[in-house]
C-alpha cells in the first residue's frame, strides 16, 4: 500500500511539472526558469 502512495505522489509531482511547462510554453515564454521570461529581452544566459 505504501508503494502505491509513493508512486502516486511521484506521478502527481511529475504531472504538475509537465503541466506548468506546457502552460508556460503556450503563453510564449522562452526561458521558463527566468523571472523575466515573459518580456522580449530575457537577461538569463540561455537566450534562444
N, C-alpha and C. Protein backbone atom coordinates (compact mmCIF):
# COMPACT_ATOMS: atom_id res chain seq x y z
N UNK A 1 0.82 -1.20 0.00
CA UNK A 1 0.00 0.00 0.00
C UNK A 1 0.87 1.26 0.00
N UNK A 2 1.97 1.23 0.76
CA UNK A 2 2.81 2.44 0.80
C UNK A 2 3.55 2.65 -0.52
N UNK A 3 3.83 1.57 -1.25
CA UNK A 3 4.43 1.72 -2.59
C UNK A 3 3.47 2.44 -3.53
N UNK A 4 2.20 2.13 -3.43
CA UNK A 4 1.19 2.79 -4.26
C UNK A 4 1.11 4.28 -3.93
N UNK A 5 1.16 4.64 -2.68
CA UNK A 5 1.10 6.05 -2.27
C UNK A 5 2.33 6.80 -2.76
N UNK A 6 3.49 6.21 -2.61
CA UNK A 6 4.73 6.86 -3.07
C UNK A 6 4.70 7.04 -4.59
N UNK A 7 4.26 6.02 -5.30
CA UNK A 7 4.16 6.11 -6.76
C UNK A 7 3.16 7.18 -7.17
N UNK A 8 2.03 7.25 -6.51
CA UNK A 8 1.02 8.26 -6.83
C UNK A 8 1.55 9.67 -6.59
N UNK A 9 2.29 9.88 -5.51
CA UNK A 9 2.86 11.20 -5.22
C UNK A 9 3.88 11.59 -6.28
N UNK A 10 4.73 10.66 -6.67
CA UNK A 10 5.74 10.95 -7.70
C UNK A 10 5.07 11.28 -9.03
N UNK A 11 4.04 10.53 -9.41
CA UNK A 11 3.31 10.79 -10.65
C UNK A 11 2.63 12.16 -10.58
N UNK A 12 2.09 12.52 -9.44
CA UNK A 12 1.46 13.82 -9.27
C UNK A 12 2.46 14.96 -9.43
N UNK A 13 3.64 14.81 -8.84
CA UNK A 13 4.68 15.85 -8.94
C UNK A 13 5.15 16.00 -10.39
N UNK A 14 5.43 14.90 -11.05
CA UNK A 14 5.90 14.95 -12.44
C UNK A 14 4.81 15.51 -13.35
N UNK A 15 3.59 15.11 -13.13
CA UNK A 15 2.47 15.62 -13.92
C UNK A 15 2.27 17.11 -13.74
N UNK A 16 2.40 17.58 -12.51
CA UNK A 16 2.27 19.02 -12.25
C UNK A 16 3.37 19.81 -12.93
N UNK A 17 4.59 19.29 -12.90
CA UNK A 17 5.71 19.97 -13.55
C UNK A 17 5.49 20.02 -15.06
N UNK A 18 5.00 18.94 -15.65
CA UNK A 18 4.74 18.91 -17.08
C UNK A 18 3.64 19.90 -17.46
N UNK A 19 2.61 20.00 -16.67
CA UNK A 19 1.53 20.96 -16.94
C UNK A 19 2.02 22.39 -16.83
N UNK A 20 2.89 22.67 -15.85
CA UNK A 20 3.45 24.02 -15.70
C UNK A 20 4.28 24.40 -16.93
N UNK A 21 5.10 23.48 -17.40
CA UNK A 21 5.93 23.74 -18.58
C UNK A 21 5.04 23.91 -19.81
N UNK A 22 4.04 23.08 -19.97
CA UNK A 22 3.12 23.17 -21.12
C UNK A 22 2.41 24.53 -21.14
N UNK A 23 1.89 24.95 -19.99
CA UNK A 23 1.18 26.23 -19.93
C UNK A 23 2.12 27.40 -20.17
N UNK A 24 3.34 27.34 -19.64
CA UNK A 24 4.30 28.42 -19.83
C UNK A 24 4.71 28.53 -21.30
N UNK A 25 4.94 27.41 -21.95
CA UNK A 25 5.31 27.42 -23.37
C UNK A 25 4.13 27.92 -24.23
N UNK A 26 2.93 27.58 -23.84
CA UNK A 26 1.75 28.02 -24.59
C UNK A 26 1.57 29.54 -24.49
N UNK A 27 2.00 30.13 -23.37
CA UNK A 27 1.93 31.58 -23.19
C UNK A 27 3.06 32.30 -23.92
N UNK A 28 4.02 31.56 -24.45
CA UNK A 28 5.10 32.16 -25.23
C UNK A 28 6.37 32.42 -24.47
N UNK A 29 6.52 31.89 -23.28
CA UNK A 29 7.74 32.08 -22.51
C UNK A 29 8.86 31.23 -23.11
N UNK A 30 10.02 31.83 -23.31
CA UNK A 30 11.13 31.11 -23.91
C UNK A 30 12.03 30.48 -22.86
N UNK A 31 12.25 31.16 -21.78
CA UNK A 31 13.11 30.67 -20.70
C UNK A 31 12.28 30.58 -19.44
N UNK A 32 11.76 29.42 -19.12
CA UNK A 32 10.78 29.26 -18.06
C UNK A 32 11.35 29.56 -16.68
N UNK A 33 12.61 29.25 -16.45
CA UNK A 33 13.21 29.44 -15.13
C UNK A 33 13.55 30.88 -14.80
N UNK A 34 13.53 31.75 -15.78
CA UNK A 34 13.91 33.14 -15.60
C UNK A 34 12.70 33.97 -15.17
N UNK A 35 12.84 34.84 -14.16
CA UNK A 35 11.68 35.65 -13.75
C UNK A 35 11.26 36.66 -14.80
N UNK A 36 12.12 37.01 -15.73
CA UNK A 36 11.80 37.96 -16.79
C UNK A 36 11.43 37.25 -18.09
N UNK A 37 11.00 36.02 -18.01
CA UNK A 37 10.78 35.22 -19.22
C UNK A 37 9.60 35.70 -20.05
N UNK A 38 8.71 36.46 -19.48
CA UNK A 38 7.56 36.93 -20.23
C UNK A 38 7.88 38.10 -21.14
N UNK A 39 8.93 38.84 -20.83
CA UNK A 39 9.26 40.00 -21.65
C UNK A 39 10.13 39.59 -22.84
N UNK A 40 10.31 40.50 -23.78
CA UNK A 40 11.02 40.15 -25.01
C UNK A 40 12.51 40.02 -24.81
N UNK A 41 13.09 40.72 -23.84
CA UNK A 41 14.53 40.66 -23.61
C UNK A 41 14.81 39.95 -22.29
N UNK A 42 15.04 38.67 -22.36
CA UNK A 42 15.34 37.86 -21.18
C UNK A 42 16.83 38.04 -20.86
N UNK A 43 17.15 38.31 -19.61
CA UNK A 43 18.54 38.57 -19.25
C UNK A 43 19.32 37.33 -18.81
N UNK A 44 18.68 36.17 -18.91
CA UNK A 44 19.40 34.96 -18.49
C UNK A 44 20.42 34.55 -19.55
N UNK A 45 21.29 33.65 -19.24
CA UNK A 45 22.37 33.26 -20.14
C UNK A 45 21.92 32.33 -21.25
N UNK A 46 20.70 31.84 -21.21
CA UNK A 46 20.23 30.88 -22.20
C UNK A 46 19.27 31.51 -23.19
N UNK A 47 19.57 32.69 -23.66
CA UNK A 47 18.71 33.32 -24.67
C UNK A 47 18.70 32.50 -25.93
N UNK A 48 17.52 32.27 -26.47
CA UNK A 48 17.38 31.47 -27.69
C UNK A 48 16.66 32.26 -28.74
